[in-house]
Amino acid sequence: MSYKPEWRLEDMKRVKLLNIWYLEDGRNNPEHPQHSLFTGLAQKYKNRHNLEIDHVSAQKQKVNERSIYSS
C-alpha cells in the first residue's frame, strides 16, 4: 500500500503530540533512562488530548503567520 496524501495532517498531528510528550516526560535530559527514545510515549499518554492539535486544522493553527506544523 502506498502513502496517501490525505494521511499527512494526521501524521503531522501525531509527530507534534509525540514531541510534546517527549519534552513533558523529560526525555530531552541526557540522564533520563529513555533519553532520545520515543518508545512508550503513546501508551503512557494515551488518555491525554490536546484540543488544539486534535480539533484545529493546520491552516488555522498559525503563529506569526506561520503554520505550527512547519519546520
PDB file of N, CA and C in Angstrom:
ATOM      1  N   MET A   1       0.850  -1.185   0.000  1.00  0.00           N
ATOM      2  CA  MET A   1       0.000   0.000   0.000  1.00  0.00           C
ATOM      3  C   MET A   1       0.892   1.244   0.000  1.00  0.00           C
ATOM      4  N   SER A   2       0.572   2.196  -0.828  1.00  0.00           N
ATOM      5  CA  SER A   2       1.364   3.420  -0.891  1.00  0.00           C
ATOM      6  C   SER A   2       0.791   4.479   0.050  1.00  0.00           C
ATOM      7  N   TYR A   3       1.616   5.450   0.365  1.00  0.00           N
ATOM      8  CA  TYR A   3       1.221   6.542   1.261  1.00  0.00           C
ATOM      9  C   TYR A   3       0.194   7.428   0.580  1.00  0.00           C
ATOM     10  N   LYS A   4      -0.866   7.735   1.305  1.00  0.00           N
ATOM     11  CA  LYS A   4      -1.927   8.571   0.754  1.00  0.00           C
ATOM     12  C   LYS A   4      -1.748  10.005   1.255  1.00  0.00           C
ATOM     13  N   PRO A   5      -1.826  10.990   0.377  1.00  0.00           N
ATOM     14  CA  PRO A   5      -1.627  12.385   0.773  1.00  0.00           C
ATOM     15  C   PRO A   5      -2.576  12.846   1.886  1.00  0.00           C
ATOM     16  N   GLU A   6      -3.765  12.290   1.944  1.00  0.00           N
ATOM     17  CA  GLU A   6      -4.725  12.716   2.979  1.00  0.00           C
ATOM     18  C   GLU A   6      -4.302  12.270   4.378  1.00  0.00           C
ATOM     19  N   TRP A   7      -3.319  11.410   4.486  1.00  0.00           N
ATOM     20  CA  TRP A   7      -2.811  10.974   5.794  1.00  0.00           C
ATOM     21  C   TRP A   7      -1.831  11.990   6.394  1.00  0.00           C
ATOM     22  N   ARG A   8      -1.376  12.946   5.596  1.00  0.00           N
ATOM     23  CA  ARG A   8      -0.331  13.875   6.025  1.00  0.00           C
ATOM     24  C   ARG A   8      -0.710  14.651   7.285  1.00  0.00           C
ATOM     25  N   LEU A   9      -1.892  15.227   7.342  1.00  0.00           N
ATOM     26  CA  LEU A   9      -2.294  16.013   8.503  1.00  0.00           C
ATOM     27  C   LEU A   9      -2.329  15.144   9.756  1.00  0.00           C
ATOM     28  N   GLU A  10      -2.856  13.953   9.642  1.00  0.00           N
ATOM     29  CA  GLU A  10      -2.896  13.019  10.773  1.00  0.00           C
ATOM     30  C   GLU A  10      -1.486  12.690  11.261  1.00  0.00           C
ATOM     31  N   ASP A  11      -0.587  12.449  10.336  1.00  0.00           N
ATOM     32  CA  ASP A  11       0.798  12.148  10.707  1.00  0.00           C
ATOM     33  C   ASP A  11       1.474  13.351  11.365  1.00  0.00           C
ATOM     34  N   MET A  12       1.192  14.537  10.876  1.00  0.00           N
ATOM     35  CA  MET A  12       1.768  15.748  11.464  1.00  0.00           C
ATOM     36  C   MET A  12       1.261  15.946  12.888  1.00  0.00           C
ATOM     37  N   LYS A  13      -0.012  15.669  13.141  1.00  0.00           N
ATOM     38  CA  LYS A  13      -0.569  15.766  14.495  1.00  0.00           C
ATOM     39  C   LYS A  13       0.116  14.775  15.433  1.00  0.00           C
ATOM     40  N   ARG A  14       0.319  13.570  14.943  1.00  0.00           N
ATOM     41  CA  ARG A  14       0.949  12.521  15.739  1.00  0.00           C
ATOM     42  C   ARG A  14       2.379  12.915  16.133  1.00  0.00           C
ATOM     43  N   VAL A  15       3.129  13.442  15.188  1.00  0.00           N
ATOM     44  CA  VAL A  15       4.507  13.867  15.456  1.00  0.00           C
ATOM     45  C   VAL A  15       4.518  15.008  16.467  1.00  0.00           C
ATOM     46  N   LYS A  16       3.609  15.960  16.313  1.00  0.00           N
ATOM     47  CA  LYS A  16       3.528  17.096  17.240  1.00  0.00           C
ATOM     48  C   LYS A  16       3.246  16.606  18.657  1.00  0.00           C
ATOM     49  N   LEU A  17       2.287  15.703  18.819  1.00  0.00           N
ATOM     50  CA  LEU A  17       1.974  15.159  20.139  1.00  0.00           C
ATOM     51  C   LEU A  17       3.155  14.392  20.735  1.00  0.00           C
ATOM     52  N   LEU A  18       3.806  13.575  19.934  1.00  0.00           N
ATOM     53  CA  LEU A  18       4.949  12.819  20.441  1.00  0.00           C
ATOM     54  C   LEU A  18       6.067  13.747  20.905  1.00  0.00           C
ATOM     55  N   ASN A  19       6.297  14.836  20.194  1.00  0.00           N
ATOM     56  CA  ASN A  19       7.316  15.796  20.615  1.00  0.00           C
ATOM     57  C   ASN A  19       6.941  16.492  21.917  1.00  0.00           C
ATOM     58  N   ILE A  20       5.667  16.812  22.088  1.00  0.00           N
ATOM     59  CA  ILE A  20       5.199  17.422  23.344  1.00  0.00           C
ATOM     60  C   ILE A  20       5.397  16.451  24.496  1.00  0.00           C
ATOM     61  N   TRP A  21       4.973  15.193  24.303  1.00  0.00           N
ATOM     62  CA  TRP A  21       5.099  14.194  25.364  1.00  0.00           C
ATOM     63  C   TRP A  21       6.557  13.899  25.682  1.00  0.00           C
ATOM     64  N   TYR A  22       7.420  13.894  24.680  1.00  0.00           N
ATOM     65  CA  TYR A  22       8.853  13.661  24.867  1.00  0.00           C
ATOM     66  C   TYR A  22       9.424  14.698  25.825  1.00  0.00           C
ATOM     67  N   LEU A  23       9.096  15.960  25.599  1.00  0.00           N
ATOM     68  CA  LEU A  23       9.592  17.024  26.470  1.00  0.00           C
ATOM     69  C   LEU A  23       8.969  16.948  27.864  1.00  0.00           C
ATOM     70  N   GLU A  24       7.668  16.718  27.935  1.00  0.00           N
ATOM     71  CA  GLU A  24       6.984  16.633  29.225  1.00  0.00           C
ATOM     72  C   GLU A  24       7.507  15.468  30.062  1.00  0.00           C
ATOM     73  N   ASP A  25       7.935  14.410  29.409  1.00  0.00           N
ATOM     74  CA  ASP A  25       8.455  13.239  30.111  1.00  0.00           C
ATOM     75  C   ASP A  25       9.908  13.434  30.524  1.00  0.00           C
ATOM     76  N   GLY A  26      10.534  14.503  30.082  1.00  0.00           N
ATOM     77  CA  GLY A  26      11.910  14.791  30.455  1.00  0.00           C
ATOM     78  C   GLY A  26      12.944  13.992  29.687  1.00  0.00           C
ATOM     79  N   ARG A  27      12.560  13.426  28.574  1.00  0.00           N
ATOM     80  CA  ARG A  27      13.484  12.581  27.812  1.00  0.00           C
ATOM     81  C   ARG A  27      14.535  13.384  27.053  1.00  0.00           C
ATOM     82  N   ASN A  28      14.410  14.688  27.057  1.00  0.00           N
ATOM     83  CA  ASN A  28      15.446  15.520  26.460  1.00  0.00           C
ATOM     84  C   ASN A  28      16.655  15.646  27.392  1.00  0.00           C
ATOM     85  N   ASN A  29      16.510  15.206  28.630  1.00  0.00           N
ATOM     86  CA  ASN A  29      17.598  15.205  29.612  1.00  0.00           C
ATOM     87  C   ASN A  29      18.476  13.975  29.373  1.00  0.00           C
ATOM     88  N   PRO A  30      19.771  14.175  29.109  1.00  0.00           N
ATOM     89  CA  PRO A  30      20.659  13.034  28.855  1.00  0.00           C
ATOM     90  C   PRO A  30      20.708  12.010  29.995  1.00  0.00           C
ATOM     91  N   GLU A  31      20.307  12.392  31.192  1.00  0.00           N
ATOM     92  CA  GLU A  31      20.316  11.461  32.322  1.00  0.00           C
ATOM     93  C   GLU A  31      19.030  10.641  32.435  1.00  0.00           C
ATOM     94  N   HIS A  32      18.035  10.960  31.630  1.00  0.00           N
ATOM     95  CA  HIS A  32      16.783  10.197  31.647  1.00  0.00           C
ATOM     96  C   HIS A  32      17.065   8.791  31.117  1.00  0.00           C
ATOM     97  N   PRO A  33      16.514   7.750  31.764  1.00  0.00           N
ATOM     98  CA  PRO A  33      16.785   6.377  31.309  1.00  0.00           C
ATOM     99  C   PRO A  33      16.341   6.090  29.871  1.00  0.00           C
ATOM    100  N   GLN A  34      15.395   6.870  29.358  1.00  0.00           N
ATOM    101  CA  GLN A  34      14.939   6.669  27.983  1.00  0.00           C
ATOM    102  C   GLN A  34      15.258   7.880  27.111  1.00  0.00           C
ATOM    103  N   HIS A  35      16.359   8.547  27.428  1.00  0.00           N
ATOM    104  CA  HIS A  35      16.794   9.706  26.645  1.00  0.00           C
ATOM    105  C   HIS A  35      16.917   9.330  25.173  1.00  0.00           C
ATOM    106  N   SER A  36      16.408  10.186  24.314  1.00  0.00           N
ATOM    107  CA  SER A  36      16.415  10.072  22.851  1.00  0.00           C
ATOM    108  C   SER A  36      15.515   8.965  22.310  1.00  0.00           C
ATOM    109  N   LEU A  37      14.647   8.396  23.140  1.00  0.00           N
ATOM    110  CA  LEU A  37      13.706   7.377  22.687  1.00  0.00           C
ATOM    111  C   LEU A  37      12.269   7.882  22.795  1.00  0.00           C
ATOM    112  N   PHE A  38      11.463   7.561  21.809  1.00  0.00           N
ATOM    113  CA  PHE A  38      10.045   7.899  21.826  1.00  0.00           C
ATOM    114  C   PHE A  38       9.209   6.681  22.224  1.00  0.00           C
ATOM    115  N   THR A  39       9.885   5.573  22.453  1.00  0.00           N
ATOM    116  CA  THR A  39       9.232   4.315  22.790  1.00  0.00           C
ATOM    117  C   THR A  39       8.363   4.457  24.037  1.00  0.00           C
ATOM    118  N   GLY A  40       7.102   4.045  23.944  1.00  0.00           N
ATOM    119  CA  GLY A  40       6.203   4.020  25.084  1.00  0.00           C
ATOM    120  C   GLY A  40       5.462   5.314  25.369  1.00  0.00           C
ATOM    121  N   LEU A  41       5.784   6.399  24.673  1.00  0.00           N
ATOM    122  CA  LEU A  41       5.113   7.672  24.949  1.00  0.00           C
ATOM    123  C   LEU A  41       3.627   7.629  24.613  1.00  0.00           C
ATOM    124  N   ALA A  42       3.275   7.055  23.479  1.00  0.00           N
ATOM    125  CA  ALA A  42       1.862   6.987  23.093  1.00  0.00           C
ATOM    126  C   ALA A  42       1.069   6.171  24.110  1.00  0.00           C
ATOM    127  N   GLN A  43       1.642   5.087  24.598  1.00  0.00           N
ATOM    128  CA  GLN A  43       0.967   4.264  25.599  1.00  0.00           C
ATOM    129  C   GLN A  43       0.818   5.021  26.914  1.00  0.00           C
ATOM    130  N   LYS A  44       1.873   5.717  27.330  1.00  0.00           N
ATOM    131  CA  LYS A  44       1.861   6.440  28.601  1.00  0.00           C
ATOM    132  C   LYS A  44       0.840   7.583  28.595  1.00  0.00           C
ATOM    133  N   TYR A  45       0.738   8.282  27.478  1.00  0.00           N
ATOM    134  CA  TYR A  45      -0.129   9.464  27.403  1.00  0.00           C
ATOM    135  C   TYR A  45      -1.398   9.219  26.592  1.00  0.00           C
ATOM    136  N   LYS A  46      -1.794   7.978  26.422  1.00  0.00           N
ATOM    137  CA  LYS A  46      -2.898   7.646  25.517  1.00  0.00           C
ATOM    138  C   LYS A  46      -4.230   8.306  25.872  1.00  0.00           C
ATOM    139  N   ASN A  47      -4.453   8.640  27.112  1.00  0.00           N
ATOM    140  CA  ASN A  47      -5.724   9.252  27.508  1.00  0.00           C
ATOM    141  C   ASN A  47      -5.686  10.773  27.501  1.00  0.00           C
ATOM    142  N   ARG A  48      -4.549  11.341  27.149  1.00  0.00           N
ATOM    143  CA  ARG A  48      -4.430  12.796  27.088  1.00  0.00           C
ATOM    144  C   ARG A  48      -4.866  13.302  25.727  1.00  0.00           C
ATOM    145  N   HIS A  49      -5.498  14.433  25.721  1.00  0.00           N
ATOM    146  CA  HIS A  49      -5.920  15.039  24.460  1.00  0.00           C
ATOM    147  C   HIS A  49      -5.452  16.479  24.435  1.00  0.00           C
ATOM    148  N   ASN A  50      -4.951  16.891  23.319  1.00  0.00           N
ATOM    149  CA  ASN A  50      -4.605  18.281  23.120  1.00  0.00           C
ATOM    150  C   ASN A  50      -5.607  18.819  22.107  1.00  0.00           C
ATOM    151  N   LEU A  51      -6.568  19.582  22.585  1.00  0.00           N
ATOM    152  CA  LEU A  51      -7.661  20.034  21.728  1.00  0.00           C
ATOM    153  C   LEU A  51      -7.179  20.873  20.557  1.00  0.00           C
ATOM    154  N   GLU A  52      -6.144  21.666  20.752  1.00  0.00           N
ATOM    155  CA  GLU A  52      -5.649  22.468  19.644  1.00  0.00           C
ATOM    156  C   GLU A  52      -5.149  21.580  18.515  1.00  0.00           C
ATOM    157  N   ILE A  53      -4.461  20.520  18.850  1.00  0.00           N
ATOM    158  CA  ILE A  53      -3.908  19.640  17.826  1.00  0.00           C
ATOM    159  C   ILE A  53      -4.988  18.730  17.267  1.00  0.00           C
ATOM    160  N   ASP A  54      -5.863  18.222  18.111  1.00  0.00           N
ATOM    161  CA  ASP A  54      -6.873  17.271  17.668  1.00  0.00           C
ATOM    162  C   ASP A  54      -7.995  17.897  16.852  1.00  0.00           C
ATOM    163  N   HIS A  55      -8.328  19.159  17.094  1.00  0.00           N
ATOM    164  CA  HIS A  55      -9.549  19.710  16.511  1.00  0.00           C
ATOM    165  C   HIS A  55      -9.378  20.945  15.638  1.00  0.00           C
ATOM    166  N   VAL A  56      -8.175  21.423  15.436  1.00  0.00           N
ATOM    167  CA  VAL A  56      -7.976  22.603  14.600  1.00  0.00           C
ATOM    168  C   VAL A  56      -7.098  22.212  13.432  1.00  0.00           C
ATOM    169  N   SER A  57      -7.479  22.633  12.269  1.00  0.00           N
ATOM    170  CA  SER A  57      -6.710  22.265  11.083  1.00  0.00           C
ATOM    171  C   SER A  57      -5.369  22.993  11.057  1.00  0.00           C
ATOM    172  N   ALA A  58      -4.451  22.491  10.266  1.00  0.00           N
ATOM    173  CA  ALA A  58      -3.120  23.090  10.161  1.00  0.00           C
ATOM    174  C   ALA A  58      -3.192  24.525   9.647  1.00  0.00           C
ATOM    175  N   GLN A  59      -4.150  24.810   8.757  1.00  0.00           N
ATOM    176  CA  GLN A  59      -4.254  26.160   8.232  1.00  0.00           C
ATOM    177  C   GLN A  59      -4.660  27.153   9.319  1.00  0.00           C
ATOM    178  N   LYS A  60      -5.463  26.731  10.280  1.00  0.00           N
ATOM    179  CA  LYS A  60      -5.930  27.637  11.321  1.00  0.00           C
ATOM    180  C   LYS A  60      -4.914  27.791  12.445  1.00  0.00           C
ATOM    181  N   GLN A  61      -4.011  26.836  12.605  1.00  0.00           N
ATOM    182  CA  GLN A  61      -3.026  26.908  13.676  1.00  0.00           C
ATOM    183  C   GLN A  61      -1.791  27.636  13.187  1.00  0.00           C
ATOM    184  N   LYS A  62      -1.815  28.946  13.323  1.00  0.00           N
ATOM    185  CA  LYS A  62      -0.683  29.742  12.873  1.00  0.00           C
ATOM    186  C   LYS A  62      -0.205  30.633  14.015  1.00  0.00           C
ATOM    187  N   VAL A  63       1.085  30.815  14.050  1.00  0.00           N
ATOM    188  CA  VAL A  63       1.707  31.734  14.989  1.00  0.00           C
ATOM    189  C   VAL A  63       2.579  32.653  14.151  1.00  0.00           C
ATOM    190  N   ASN A  64       2.345  33.946  14.255  1.00  0.00           N
ATOM    191  CA  ASN A  64       3.079  34.923  13.451  1.00  0.00           C
ATOM    192  C   ASN A  64       3.025  34.587  11.957  1.00  0.00           C
ATOM    193  N   GLU A  65       1.829  34.264  11.490  1.00  0.00           N
ATOM    194  CA  GLU A  65       1.587  33.946  10.081  1.00  0.00           C
ATOM    195  C   GLU A  65       2.328  32.709   9.596  1.00  0.00           C
ATOM    196  N   ARG A  66       2.772  31.861  10.501  1.00  0.00           N
ATOM    197  CA  ARG A  66       3.467  30.635  10.121  1.00  0.00           C
ATOM    198  C   ARG A  66       2.774  29.454  10.743  1.00  0.00           C
ATOM    199  N   SER A  67       2.546  28.417   9.987  1.00  0.00           N
ATOM    200  CA  SER A  67       1.889  27.223  10.499  1.00  0.00           C
ATOM    201  C   SER A  67       2.738  26.594  11.590  1.00  0.00           C
ATOM    202  N   ILE A  68       2.104  26.117  12.663  1.00  0.00           N
ATOM    203  CA  ILE A  68       2.856  25.483  13.740  1.00  0.00           C
ATOM    204  C   ILE A  68       3.427  24.148  13.275  1.00  0.00           C
ATOM    205  N   TYR A  69       2.964  23.642  12.145  1.00  0.00           N
ATOM    206  CA  TYR A  69       3.432  22.355  11.650  1.00  0.00           C
ATOM    207  C   TYR A  69       4.660  22.481  10.767  1.00  0.00           C
ATOM    208  N   SER A  70       5.016  23.692  10.374  1.00  0.00           N
ATOM    209  CA  SER A  70       6.192  23.812   9.511  1.00  0.00           C
ATOM    210  C   SER A  70       7.448  23.689  10.357  1.00  0.00           C
ATOM    211  N   SER A  71       8.510  23.222   9.722  1.00  0.00           N
ATOM    212  CA  SER A  71       9.750  23.025  10.467  1.00  0.00           C
ATOM    213  C   SER A  71      10.640  24.240  10.405  1.00  0.00           C
TER     214      SER A  71
END
